[in-house]
Amino acid sequence: MLEDLDDAVHQAETDHRCQYQAGHEGPHVCLAQSQDRPDGTSTAWWATWPSPDDTGYRLAVLPECPATAAHLNDDGLCLNPAGHPGDHRW
């Protein structure tokens, strides 16, 4: 489903590692897919676990962290969802 989205950026993976700093509280998260459209809009799909009913992964569309800095990824962006725990990471 994630690879078949219009304007999908990534190849979907079946194994996910949490992107947050080790020892964080709350659910784990991993960017599962991005949609980057020609008009400049985008959608970020995140895999989160454990889900509220503890049945495994849940896919959620969440806003991306607005932090920018030279030490982040090549585009200077934090690649975590907005409001994430811990440091900004890429």
Protein backbone atom coordinates (compact mmCIF):
# COMPACT_ATOMS: atom_id res chain seq x y z
CA MET A 1 0.00 0.00 0.00
CA LEU A 2 2.80 2.44 0.91
CA GLU A 3 4.75 1.86 -2.30
CA ASP A 4 1.58 2.28 -4.38
CA LEU A 5 0.80 5.78 -3.04
CA ASP A 6 0.96 8.56 -5.62
CA ASP A 7 4.30 10.40 -5.39
CA ALA A 8 5.79 7.83 -2.98
CA VAL A 9 9.45 8.54 -2.22
CA HIS A 10 10.79 5.42 -0.49
CA GLN A 11 10.75 1.70 -1.02
CA ALA A 12 8.60 0.34 1.82
CA GLU A 13 10.41 -1.85 4.32
CA THR A 14 9.00 -4.70 6.37
CA ASP A 15 11.34 -4.24 9.37
CA HIS A 16 11.33 -1.00 11.33
CA ARG A 17 13.72 0.40 13.94
CA CYS A 18 12.65 3.19 16.22
CA GLN A 19 14.10 6.56 15.20
CA TYR A 20 13.92 8.08 18.68
CA GLN A 21 16.81 8.20 21.13
CA ALA A 22 17.30 5.06 23.20
CA GLY A 23 15.42 5.12 26.49
CA HIS A 24 12.61 7.42 25.36
CA GLU A 25 9.13 7.13 26.88
CA GLY A 26 6.01 6.38 24.87
CA PRO A 27 5.50 4.56 21.58
CA HIS A 28 8.21 3.88 19.03
CA VAL A 29 8.13 5.49 15.58
CA CYS A 30 9.72 5.02 12.17
CA LEU A 31 9.15 6.94 8.93
CA ALA A 32 7.43 4.40 6.69
CA GLN A 33 6.79 6.51 3.57
CA SER A 34 6.80 10.06 2.30
CA GLN A 35 4.77 11.52 -0.50
CA ASP A 36 6.43 14.54 -2.11
CA ARG A 37 4.13 16.14 -4.63
CA PRO A 38 5.10 18.41 -7.54
CA ASP A 39 3.13 21.28 -5.96
CA GLY A 40 5.49 21.29 -2.95
CA THR A 41 3.12 19.59 -0.50
CA SER A 42 4.03 16.38 1.26
CA THR A 43 2.59 13.72 3.53
CA ALA A 44 4.63 11.70 6.05
CA TRP A 45 3.39 8.20 6.92
CA TRP A 46 4.76 6.81 10.19
CA ALA A 47 4.75 3.28 11.61
CA THR A 48 4.16 3.43 15.36
CA TRP A 49 4.21 0.65 17.95
CA PRO A 50 2.96 -0.52 20.33
CA SER A 51 -0.42 0.60 19.12
CA PRO A 52 -3.03 1.78 21.66
CA ASP A 53 -4.62 -1.68 21.61
CA ASP A 54 -1.13 -3.31 21.60
CA THR A 55 -1.81 -5.34 18.42
CA GLY A 56 1.35 -4.38 16.54
CA TYR A 57 2.18 -1.64 14.07
CA ARG A 58 -0.14 1.23 13.30
CA LEU A 59 0.22 3.57 10.33
CA ALA A 60 -0.39 7.24 11.03
CA VAL A 61 -0.04 10.47 9.08
CA LEU A 62 1.77 12.84 11.43
CA PRO A 63 3.22 16.32 10.88
CA GLU A 64 6.99 16.47 10.49
CA CYS A 65 9.23 18.23 13.02
CA PRO A 66 9.77 21.83 11.90
CA ALA A 67 13.34 22.00 13.29
CA THR A 68 16.08 22.90 10.85
CA ALA A 69 19.83 23.06 11.38
CA ALA A 70 23.03 22.37 9.49
CA HIS A 71 23.84 19.30 11.65
CA LEU A 72 20.65 17.46 10.70
CA ASN A 73 20.13 15.61 7.39
CA ASP A 74 21.43 16.78 3.99
CA ASP A 75 18.46 19.15 3.67
CA GLY A 76 18.95 20.48 7.23
CA LEU A 77 15.73 18.87 8.45
CA CYS A 78 14.86 16.78 11.48
CA LEU A 79 13.32 13.53 10.26
CA ASN A 80 11.10 12.86 13.27
CA PRO A 81 7.44 13.77 13.76
CA ALA A 82 6.56 17.08 15.41
CA GLY A 83 6.64 16.98 19.20
CA HIS A 84 9.04 14.02 19.33
CA PRO A 85 10.95 13.16 22.52
CA GLY A 86 14.72 13.68 22.70
CA ASP A 87 17.11 15.38 20.31
CA HIS A 88 16.50 16.20 16.68
CA ARG A 89 17.81 13.31 14.62
CA TRP A 90 18.20 12.23 11.06
